[in-house]
């Protein structure tokens, strides 16, 4: 997902969408998206019906393309490593 794609979907100019995201919540677009993805990953990890999914399957499902970017974003937005979250 890019800001250009989102702006087309919600029919708002890229500049205006960027301002809407950056100012009230003080996040850049990719931080905003990665926070959402991290929240979604946490829900999957807590869901007993999805306990058979691998970490790679989860990170792809929520929109990440690499394990390192997933781990970095997850730690940033949850203040826990993936291992800490799973074992908690």
PDB file of N, CA and C in Angstrom:
ATOM      1  N   UNK A   1       0.852  -1.177   0.000  1.00  0.00           N
ATOM      2  CA  UNK A   1       0.000   0.000   0.000  1.00  0.00           C
ATOM      3  C   UNK A   1       0.892   1.233   0.000  1.00  0.00           C
ATOM      4  N   UNK A   2       0.581   2.128  -0.862  1.00  0.00           N
ATOM      5  CA  UNK A   2       1.285   3.404  -0.898  1.00  0.00           C
ATOM      6  C   UNK A   2       0.287   4.512  -0.597  1.00  0.00           C
ATOM      7  N   UNK A   3       0.806   5.667  -0.287  1.00  0.00           N
ATOM      8  CA  UNK A   3      -0.083   6.805  -0.020  1.00  0.00           C
ATOM      9  C   UNK A   3      -0.846   7.201  -1.286  1.00  0.00           C
ATOM     10  N   UNK A   4      -0.221   6.995  -2.440  1.00  0.00           N
ATOM     11  CA  UNK A   4      -0.897   7.290  -3.702  1.00  0.00           C
ATOM     12  C   UNK A   4      -2.098   6.356  -3.906  1.00  0.00           C
ATOM     13  N   UNK A   5      -1.909   5.063  -3.596  1.00  0.00           N
ATOM     14  CA  UNK A   5      -3.015   4.113  -3.730  1.00  0.00           C
ATOM     15  C   UNK A   5      -4.150   4.444  -2.767  1.00  0.00           C
ATOM     16  N   UNK A   6      -3.789   4.758  -1.534  1.00  0.00           N
ATOM     17  CA  UNK A   6      -4.810   5.096  -0.545  1.00  0.00           C
ATOM     18  C   UNK A   6      -5.549   6.370  -0.933  1.00  0.00           C
ATOM     19  N   UNK A   7      -4.824   7.361  -1.438  1.00  0.00           N
ATOM     20  CA  UNK A   7      -5.473   8.618  -1.817  1.00  0.00           C
ATOM     21  C   UNK A   7      -6.496   8.389  -2.931  1.00  0.00           C
ATOM     22  N   UNK A   8      -6.190   7.487  -3.857  1.00  0.00           N
ATOM     23  CA  UNK A   8      -7.152   7.164  -4.923  1.00  0.00           C
ATOM     24  C   UNK A   8      -8.377   6.467  -4.353  1.00  0.00           C
ATOM     25  N   UNK A   9      -8.150   5.551  -3.397  1.00  0.00           N
ATOM     26  CA  UNK A   9      -9.263   4.799  -2.820  1.00  0.00           C
ATOM     27  C   UNK A   9     -10.219   5.679  -2.027  1.00  0.00           C
ATOM     28  N   UNK A  10      -9.679   6.670  -1.333  1.00  0.00           N
ATOM     29  CA  UNK A  10     -10.529   7.538  -0.510  1.00  0.00           C
ATOM     30  C   UNK A  10     -10.854   8.857  -1.206  1.00  0.00           C
ATOM     31  N   UNK A  11     -10.332   9.011  -2.423  1.00  0.00           N
ATOM     32  CA  UNK A  11     -10.605  10.186  -3.250  1.00  0.00           C
ATOM     33  C   UNK A  11     -10.193  11.493  -2.569  1.00  0.00           C
ATOM     34  N   UNK A  12      -8.969  11.484  -2.028  1.00  0.00           N
ATOM     35  CA  UNK A  12      -8.376  12.667  -1.404  1.00  0.00           C
ATOM     36  C   UNK A  12      -6.998  12.867  -2.028  1.00  0.00           C
ATOM     37  N   UNK A  13      -6.636  14.093  -2.308  1.00  0.00           N
ATOM     38  CA  UNK A  13      -5.315  14.385  -2.866  1.00  0.00           C
ATOM     39  C   UNK A  13      -4.224  13.873  -1.927  1.00  0.00           C
ATOM     40  N   UNK A  14      -3.112  13.412  -2.495  1.00  0.00           N
ATOM     41  CA  UNK A  14      -2.008  12.852  -1.715  1.00  0.00           C
ATOM     42  C   UNK A  14      -1.538  13.841  -0.653  1.00  0.00           C
ATOM     43  N   UNK A  15      -1.364  15.086  -1.037  1.00  0.00           N
ATOM     44  CA  UNK A  15      -0.895  16.103  -0.088  1.00  0.00           C
ATOM     45  C   UNK A  15      -1.856  16.253   1.089  1.00  0.00           C
ATOM     46  N   UNK A  16      -3.155  16.306   0.805  1.00  0.00           N
ATOM     47  CA  UNK A  16      -4.158  16.461   1.858  1.00  0.00           C
ATOM     48  C   UNK A  16      -4.207  15.229   2.767  1.00  0.00           C
ATOM     49  N   UNK A  17      -4.097  14.054   2.179  1.00  0.00           N
ATOM     50  CA  UNK A  17      -4.082  12.823   2.962  1.00  0.00           C
ATOM     51  C   UNK A  17      -2.861  12.771   3.867  1.00  0.00           C
ATOM     52  N   UNK A  18      -1.733  13.180   3.338  1.00  0.00           N
ATOM     53  CA  UNK A  18      -0.505  13.214   4.123  1.00  0.00           C
ATOM     54  C   UNK A  18      -0.653  14.137   5.325  1.00  0.00           C
ATOM     55  N   UNK A  19      -1.248  15.287   5.109  1.00  0.00           N
ATOM     56  CA  UNK A  19      -1.480  16.241   6.206  1.00  0.00           C
ATOM     57  C   UNK A  19      -2.437  15.641   7.233  1.00  0.00           C
ATOM     58  N   UNK A  20      -3.492  14.956   6.762  1.00  0.00           N
ATOM     59  CA  UNK A  20      -4.450  14.333   7.680  1.00  0.00           C
ATOM     60  C   UNK A  20      -3.789  13.286   8.562  1.00  0.00           C
ATOM     61  N   UNK A  21      -2.826  12.557   8.012  1.00  0.00           N
ATOM     62  CA  UNK A  21      -2.140  11.521   8.791  1.00  0.00           C
ATOM     63  C   UNK A  21      -1.055  12.130   9.666  1.00  0.00           C
ATOM     64  N   UNK A  22      -0.244  12.997   9.105  1.00  0.00           N
ATOM     65  CA  UNK A  22       0.930  13.518   9.811  1.00  0.00           C
ATOM     66  C   UNK A  22       0.594  14.422  10.988  1.00  0.00           C
ATOM     67  N   UNK A  23      -0.355  15.299  10.835  1.00  0.00           N
ATOM     68  CA  UNK A  23      -0.574  16.307  11.874  1.00  0.00           C
ATOM     69  C   UNK A  23      -1.330  15.805  13.103  1.00  0.00           C
ATOM     70  N   UNK A  24      -2.529  15.263  12.958  1.00  0.00           N
ATOM     71  CA  UNK A  24      -3.254  14.875  14.173  1.00  0.00           C
ATOM     72  C   UNK A  24      -2.602  13.741  14.955  1.00  0.00           C
ATOM     73  N   UNK A  25      -2.028  12.770  14.263  1.00  0.00           N
ATOM     74  CA  UNK A  25      -1.458  11.625  14.981  1.00  0.00           C
ATOM     75  C   UNK A  25       0.064  11.632  14.975  1.00  0.00           C
ATOM     76  N   UNK A  26       0.646  12.621  14.352  1.00  0.00           N
ATOM     77  CA  UNK A  26       2.096  12.807  14.351  1.00  0.00           C
ATOM     78  C   UNK A  26       2.854  11.566  13.873  1.00  0.00           C
ATOM     79  N   UNK A  27       2.364  10.984  12.791  1.00  0.00           N
ATOM     80  CA  UNK A  27       3.020   9.828  12.188  1.00  0.00           C
ATOM     81  C   UNK A  27       3.142  10.047  10.692  1.00  0.00           C
ATOM     82  N   UNK A  28       4.188   9.500  10.127  1.00  0.00           N
ATOM     83  CA  UNK A  28       4.303   9.482   8.677  1.00  0.00           C
ATOM     84  C   UNK A  28       3.483   8.316   8.157  1.00  0.00           C
ATOM     85  N   UNK A  29       3.212   8.316   6.869  1.00  0.00           N
ATOM     86  CA  UNK A  29       2.325   7.317   6.275  1.00  0.00           C
ATOM     87  C   UNK A  29       2.761   5.889   6.596  1.00  0.00           C
ATOM     88  N   UNK A  30       4.034   5.564   6.399  1.00  0.00           N
ATOM     89  CA  UNK A  30       4.461   4.187   6.610  1.00  0.00           C
ATOM     90  C   UNK A  30       4.428   3.787   8.085  1.00  0.00           C
ATOM     91  N   UNK A  31       4.665   4.716   8.981  1.00  0.00           N
ATOM     92  CA  UNK A  31       4.496   4.419  10.407  1.00  0.00           C
ATOM     93  C   UNK A  31       3.029   4.129  10.718  1.00  0.00           C
ATOM     94  N   UNK A  32       2.148   4.914  10.125  1.00  0.00           N
ATOM     95  CA  UNK A  32       0.707   4.726  10.297  1.00  0.00           C
ATOM     96  C   UNK A  32       0.284   3.339   9.808  1.00  0.00           C
ATOM     97  N   UNK A  33       0.721   2.969   8.616  1.00  0.00           N
ATOM     98  CA  UNK A  33       0.377   1.665   8.029  1.00  0.00           C
ATOM     99  C   UNK A  33       0.992   0.525   8.851  1.00  0.00           C
ATOM    100  N   UNK A  34       2.263   0.685   9.231  1.00  0.00           N
ATOM    101  CA  UNK A  34       2.929  -0.379   9.981  1.00  0.00           C
ATOM    102  C   UNK A  34       2.334  -0.572  11.375  1.00  0.00           C
ATOM    103  N   UNK A  35       1.847   0.495  11.984  1.00  0.00           N
ATOM    104  CA  UNK A  35       1.163   0.371  13.280  1.00  0.00           C
ATOM    105  C   UNK A  35      -0.109  -0.457  13.101  1.00  0.00           C
ATOM    106  N   UNK A  36      -0.847  -0.174  12.049  1.00  0.00           N
ATOM    107  CA  UNK A  36      -2.060  -0.936  11.746  1.00  0.00           C
ATOM    108  C   UNK A  36      -1.709  -2.398  11.488  1.00  0.00           C
ATOM    109  N   UNK A  37      -0.666  -2.644  10.695  1.00  0.00           N
ATOM    110  CA  UNK A  37      -0.252  -4.016  10.387  1.00  0.00           C
ATOM    111  C   UNK A  37       0.178  -4.760  11.656  1.00  0.00           C
ATOM    112  N   UNK A  38       0.883  -4.069  12.541  1.00  0.00           N
ATOM    113  CA  UNK A  38       1.327  -4.688  13.789  1.00  0.00           C
ATOM    114  C   UNK A  38       0.134  -5.058  14.663  1.00  0.00           C
ATOM    115  N   UNK A  39      -0.864  -4.191  14.724  1.00  0.00           N
ATOM    116  CA  UNK A  39      -2.077  -4.476  15.482  1.00  0.00           C
ATOM    117  C   UNK A  39      -2.795  -5.695  14.909  1.00  0.00           C
ATOM    118  N   UNK A  40      -2.852  -5.751  13.598  1.00  0.00           N
ATOM    119  CA  UNK A  40      -3.496  -6.883  12.934  1.00  0.00           C
ATOM    120  C   UNK A  40      -2.722  -8.176  13.225  1.00  0.00           C
ATOM    121  N   UNK A  41      -1.401  -8.109  13.197  1.00  0.00           N
ATOM    122  CA  UNK A  41      -0.576  -9.286  13.505  1.00  0.00           C
ATOM    123  C   UNK A  41      -0.820  -9.751  14.939  1.00  0.00           C
ATOM    124  N   UNK A  42      -0.940  -8.814  15.873  1.00  0.00           N
ATOM    125  CA  UNK A  42      -1.202  -9.183  17.272  1.00  0.00           C
ATOM    126  C   UNK A  42      -2.529  -9.929  17.392  1.00  0.00           C
ATOM    127  N   UNK A  43      -3.543  -9.483  16.667  1.00  0.00           N
ATOM    128  CA  UNK A  43      -4.843 -10.160  16.708  1.00  0.00           C
ATOM    129  C   UNK A  43      -4.730 -11.584  16.167  1.00  0.00           C
ATOM    130  N   UNK A  44      -3.975 -11.739  15.093  1.00  0.00           N
ATOM    131  CA  UNK A  44      -3.785 -13.082  14.514  1.00  0.00           C
ATOM    132  C   UNK A  44      -3.046 -13.970  15.501  1.00  0.00           C
ATOM    133  N   UNK A  45      -1.994 -13.434  16.111  1.00  0.00           N
ATOM    134  CA  UNK A  45      -1.198 -14.217  17.057  1.00  0.00           C
ATOM    135  C   UNK A  45      -2.007 -14.646  18.283  1.00  0.00           C
ATOM    136  N   UNK A  46      -3.005 -13.861  18.655  1.00  0.00           N
ATOM    137  CA  UNK A  46      -3.843 -14.183  19.815  1.00  0.00           C
ATOM    138  C   UNK A  46      -4.995 -15.127  19.456  1.00  0.00           C
ATOM    139  N   UNK A  47      -5.252 -15.292  18.174  1.00  0.00           N
ATOM    140  CA  UNK A  47      -6.397 -16.072  17.721  1.00  0.00           C
ATOM    141  C   UNK A  47      -6.056 -17.565  17.705  1.00  0.00           C
ATOM    142  N   UNK A  48      -6.689 -18.352  18.571  1.00  0.00           N
ATOM    143  CA  UNK A  48      -6.378 -19.788  18.618  1.00  0.00           C
ATOM    144  C   UNK A  48      -6.682 -20.516  17.306  1.00  0.00           C
ATOM    145  N   UNK A  49      -7.619 -19.990  16.529  1.00  0.00           N
ATOM    146  CA  UNK A  49      -7.957 -20.620  15.250  1.00  0.00           C
ATOM    147  C   UNK A  49      -6.852 -20.450  14.211  1.00  0.00           C
ATOM    148  N   UNK A  50      -5.940 -19.516  14.470  1.00  0.00           N
ATOM    149  CA  UNK A  50      -4.846 -19.264  13.526  1.00  0.00           C
ATOM    150  C   UNK A  50      -3.496 -19.686  14.092  1.00  0.00           C
ATOM    151  N   UNK A  51      -3.523 -20.516  15.114  1.00  0.00           N
ATOM    152  CA  UNK A  51      -2.283 -20.892  15.804  1.00  0.00           C
ATOM    153  C   UNK A  51      -1.335 -21.715  14.932  1.00  0.00           C
ATOM    154  N   UNK A  52      -1.823 -22.295  13.879  1.00  0.00           N
ATOM    155  CA  UNK A  52      -0.979 -23.108  12.997  1.00  0.00           C
ATOM    156  C   UNK A  52      -0.221 -22.271  11.965  1.00  0.00           C
ATOM    157  N   UNK A  53      -0.561 -20.995  11.843  1.00  0.00           N
ATOM    158  CA  UNK A  53       0.132 -20.138  10.872  1.00  0.00           C
ATOM    159  C   UNK A  53       1.577 -19.906  11.295  1.00  0.00           C
ATOM    160  N   UNK A  54       2.468 -19.879  10.324  1.00  0.00           N
ATOM    161  CA  UNK A  54       3.859 -19.552  10.618  1.00  0.00           C
ATOM    162  C   UNK A  54       4.005 -18.039  10.684  1.00  0.00           C
ATOM    163  N   UNK A  55       5.120 -17.596  11.233  1.00  0.00           N
ATOM    164  CA  UNK A  55       5.384 -16.155  11.296  1.00  0.00           C
ATOM    165  C   UNK A  55       5.424 -15.578   9.890  1.00  0.00           C
ATOM    166  N   UNK A  56       6.031 -16.294   8.950  1.00  0.00           N
ATOM    167  CA  UNK A  56       6.078 -15.808   7.566  1.00  0.00           C
ATOM    168  C   UNK A  56       4.681 -15.657   6.984  1.00  0.00           C
ATOM    169  N   UNK A  57       3.812 -16.607   7.248  1.00  0.00           N
ATOM    170  CA  UNK A  57       2.439 -16.508   6.746  1.00  0.00           C
ATOM    171  C   UNK A  57       1.734 -15.294   7.348  1.00  0.00           C
ATOM    172  N   UNK A  58       1.954 -15.057   8.629  1.00  0.00           N
ATOM    173  CA  UNK A  58       1.326 -13.913   9.300  1.00  0.00           C
ATOM    174  C   UNK A  58       1.856 -12.609   8.734  1.00  0.00           C
ATOM    175  N   UNK A  59       3.179 -12.487   8.612  1.00  0.00           N
ATOM    176  CA  UNK A  59       3.721 -11.210   8.137  1.00  0.00           C
ATOM    177  C   UNK A  59       3.288 -10.920   6.714  1.00  0.00           C
ATOM    178  N   UNK A  60       3.175 -11.941   5.867  1.00  0.00           N
ATOM    179  CA  UNK A  60       2.670 -11.714   4.511  1.00  0.00           C
ATOM    180  C   UNK A  60       1.192 -11.355   4.533  1.00  0.00           C
ATOM    181  N   UNK A  61       0.440 -12.001   5.417  1.00  0.00           N
ATOM    182  CA  UNK A  61      -0.997 -11.730   5.505  1.00  0.00           C
ATOM    183  C   UNK A  61      -1.289 -10.287   5.897  1.00  0.00           C
ATOM    184  N   UNK A  62      -0.452  -9.712   6.763  1.00  0.00           N
ATOM    185  CA  UNK A  62      -0.702  -8.339   7.208  1.00  0.00           C
ATOM    186  C   UNK A  62      -0.015  -7.296   6.323  1.00  0.00           C
ATOM    187  N   UNK A  63       0.723  -7.737   5.314  1.00  0.00           N
ATOM    188  CA  UNK A  63       1.244  -6.788   4.327  1.00  0.00           C
ATOM    189  C   UNK A  63       2.725  -6.504   4.354  1.00  0.00           C
ATOM    190  N   UNK A  64       3.488  -7.214   5.169  1.00  0.00           N
ATOM    191  CA  UNK A  64       4.940  -7.029   5.158  1.00  0.00           C
ATOM    192  C   UNK A  64       5.555  -7.929   4.097  1.00  0.00           C
ATOM    193  N   UNK A  65       6.726  -7.537   3.612  1.00  0.00           N
ATOM    194  CA  UNK A  65       7.412  -8.313   2.584  1.00  0.00           C
ATOM    195  C   UNK A  65       8.664  -9.007   3.097  1.00  0.00           C
ATOM    196  N   UNK A  66       9.093  -8.664   4.295  1.00  0.00           N
ATOM    197  CA  UNK A  66      10.287  -9.312   4.840  1.00  0.00           C
ATOM    198  C   UNK A  66      10.162  -9.455   6.350  1.00  0.00           C
ATOM    199  N   UNK A  67      10.832 -10.479   6.862  1.00  0.00           N
ATOM    200  CA  UNK A  67      10.787 -10.747   8.293  1.00  0.00           C
ATOM    201  C   UNK A  67      11.477  -9.637   9.081  1.00  0.00           C
ATOM    202  N   UNK A  68      12.567  -9.104   8.541  1.00  0.00           N
ATOM    203  CA  UNK A  68      13.286  -8.047   9.273  1.00  0.00           C
ATOM    204  C   UNK A  68      12.450  -6.775   9.386  1.00  0.00           C
ATOM    205  N   UNK A  69      11.758  -6.383   8.315  1.00  0.00           N
ATOM    206  CA  UNK A  69      10.917  -5.174   8.405  1.00  0.00           C
ATOM    207  C   UNK A  69       9.731  -5.412   9.334  1.00  0.00           C
ATOM    208  N   UNK A  70       9.191  -6.626   9.321  1.00  0.00           N
ATOM    209  CA  UNK A  70       8.108  -6.974  10.240  1.00  0.00           C
ATOM    210  C   UNK A  70       8.582  -6.890  11.684  1.00  0.00           C
ATOM    211  N   UNK A  71       9.723  -7.516  11.975  1.00  0.00           N
ATOM    212  CA  UNK A  71      10.251  -7.504  13.345  1.00  0.00           C
ATOM    213  C   UNK A  71      10.534  -6.088  13.833  1.00  0.00           C
ATOM    214  N   UNK A  72      11.109  -5.265  12.982  1.00  0.00           N
ATOM    215  CA  UNK A  72      11.418  -3.878  13.342  1.00  0.00           C
ATOM    216  C   UNK A  72      10.144  -3.089  13.637  1.00  0.00           C
ATOM    217  N   UNK A  73       9.169  -3.195  12.741  1.00  0.00           N
ATOM    218  CA  UNK A  73       7.913  -2.453  12.927  1.00  0.00           C
ATOM    219  C   UNK A  73       7.146  -2.976  14.141  1.00  0.00           C
ATOM    220  N   UNK A  74       7.120  -4.289  14.318  1.00  0.00           N
ATOM    221  CA  UNK A  74       6.397  -4.877  15.441  1.00  0.00           C
ATOM    222  C   UNK A  74       6.966  -4.370  16.761  1.00  0.00           C
ATOM    223  N   UNK A  75       8.285  -4.374  16.876  1.00  0.00           N
ATOM    224  CA  UNK A  75       8.956  -3.886  18.095  1.00  0.00           C
ATOM    225  C   UNK A  75       8.651  -2.402  18.312  1.00  0.00           C
ATOM    226  N   UNK A  76       8.703  -1.631  17.255  1.00  0.00           N
ATOM    227  CA  UNK A  76       8.470  -0.182  17.364  1.00  0.00           C
ATOM    228  C   UNK A  76       7.048   0.119  17.846  1.00  0.00           C
ATOM    229  N   UNK A  77       6.090  -0.631  17.354  1.00  0.00           N
ATOM    230  CA  UNK A  77       4.693  -0.302  17.629  1.00  0.00           C
ATOM    231  C   UNK A  77       4.084  -1.051  18.807  1.00  0.00           C
ATOM    232  N   UNK A  78       4.782  -2.074  19.303  1.00  0.00           N
ATOM    233  CA  UNK A  78       4.248  -2.818  20.450  1.00  0.00           C
ATOM    234  C   UNK A  78       5.163  -2.738  21.663  1.00  0.00           C
ATOM    235  N   UNK A  79       6.362  -2.218  21.466  1.00  0.00           N
ATOM    236  CA  UNK A  79       7.388  -2.162  22.509  1.00  0.00           C
ATOM    237  C   UNK A  79       7.790  -3.548  23.008  1.00  0.00           C
ATOM    238  N   UNK A  80       7.543  -4.565  22.187  1.00  0.00           N
ATOM    239  CA  UNK A  80       7.950  -5.928  22.499  1.00  0.00           C
ATOM    240  C   UNK A  80       8.486  -6.575  21.230  1.00  0.00           C
ATOM    241  N   UNK A  81       9.445  -7.463  21.421  1.00  0.00           N
ATOM    242  CA  UNK A  81       9.850  -8.266  20.282  1.00  0.00           C
ATOM    243  C   UNK A  81       8.742  -9.274  20.019  1.00  0.00           C
ATOM    244  N   UNK A  82       8.786  -9.881  18.876  1.00  0.00           N
ATOM    245  CA  UNK A  82       7.793 -10.890  18.544  1.00  0.00           C
ATOM    246  C   UNK A  82       7.840 -12.043  19.552  1.00  0.00           C
ATOM    247  N   UNK A  83       9.027 -12.470  19.907  1.00  0.00           N
ATOM    248  CA  UNK A  83       9.204 -13.548  20.890  1.00  0.00           C
ATOM    249  C   UNK A  83       8.616 -13.152  22.240  1.00  0.00           C
ATOM    250  N   UNK A  84       8.875 -11.928  22.679  1.00  0.00           N
ATOM    251  CA  UNK A  84       8.314 -11.459  23.958  1.00  0.00           C
ATOM    252  C   UNK A  84       6.790 -11.469  23.916  1.00  0.00           C
ATOM    253  N   UNK A  85       6.224 -11.028  22.800  1.00  0.00           N
ATOM    254  CA  UNK A  85       4.773 -10.992  22.669  1.00  0.00           C
ATOM    255  C   UNK A  85       4.186 -12.401  22.706  1.00  0.00           C
ATOM    256  N   UNK A  86       4.799 -13.306  21.977  1.00  0.00           N
ATOM    257  CA  UNK A  86       4.289 -14.680  21.907  1.00  0.00           C
ATOM    258  C   UNK A  86       4.387 -15.381  23.259  1.00  0.00           C
ATOM    259  N   UNK A  87       5.478 -15.151  23.983  1.00  0.00           N
ATOM    260  CA  UNK A  87       5.704 -15.833  25.249  1.00  0.00           C
ATOM    261  C   UNK A  87       5.034 -15.161  26.446  1.00  0.00           C
ATOM    262  N   UNK A  88       4.414 -14.026  26.230  1.00  0.00           N
ATOM    263  CA  UNK A  88       3.809 -13.280  27.345  1.00  0.00           C
ATOM    264  C   UNK A  88       2.456 -13.783  27.703  1.00  0.00           C
TER     265      UNK A  88
END
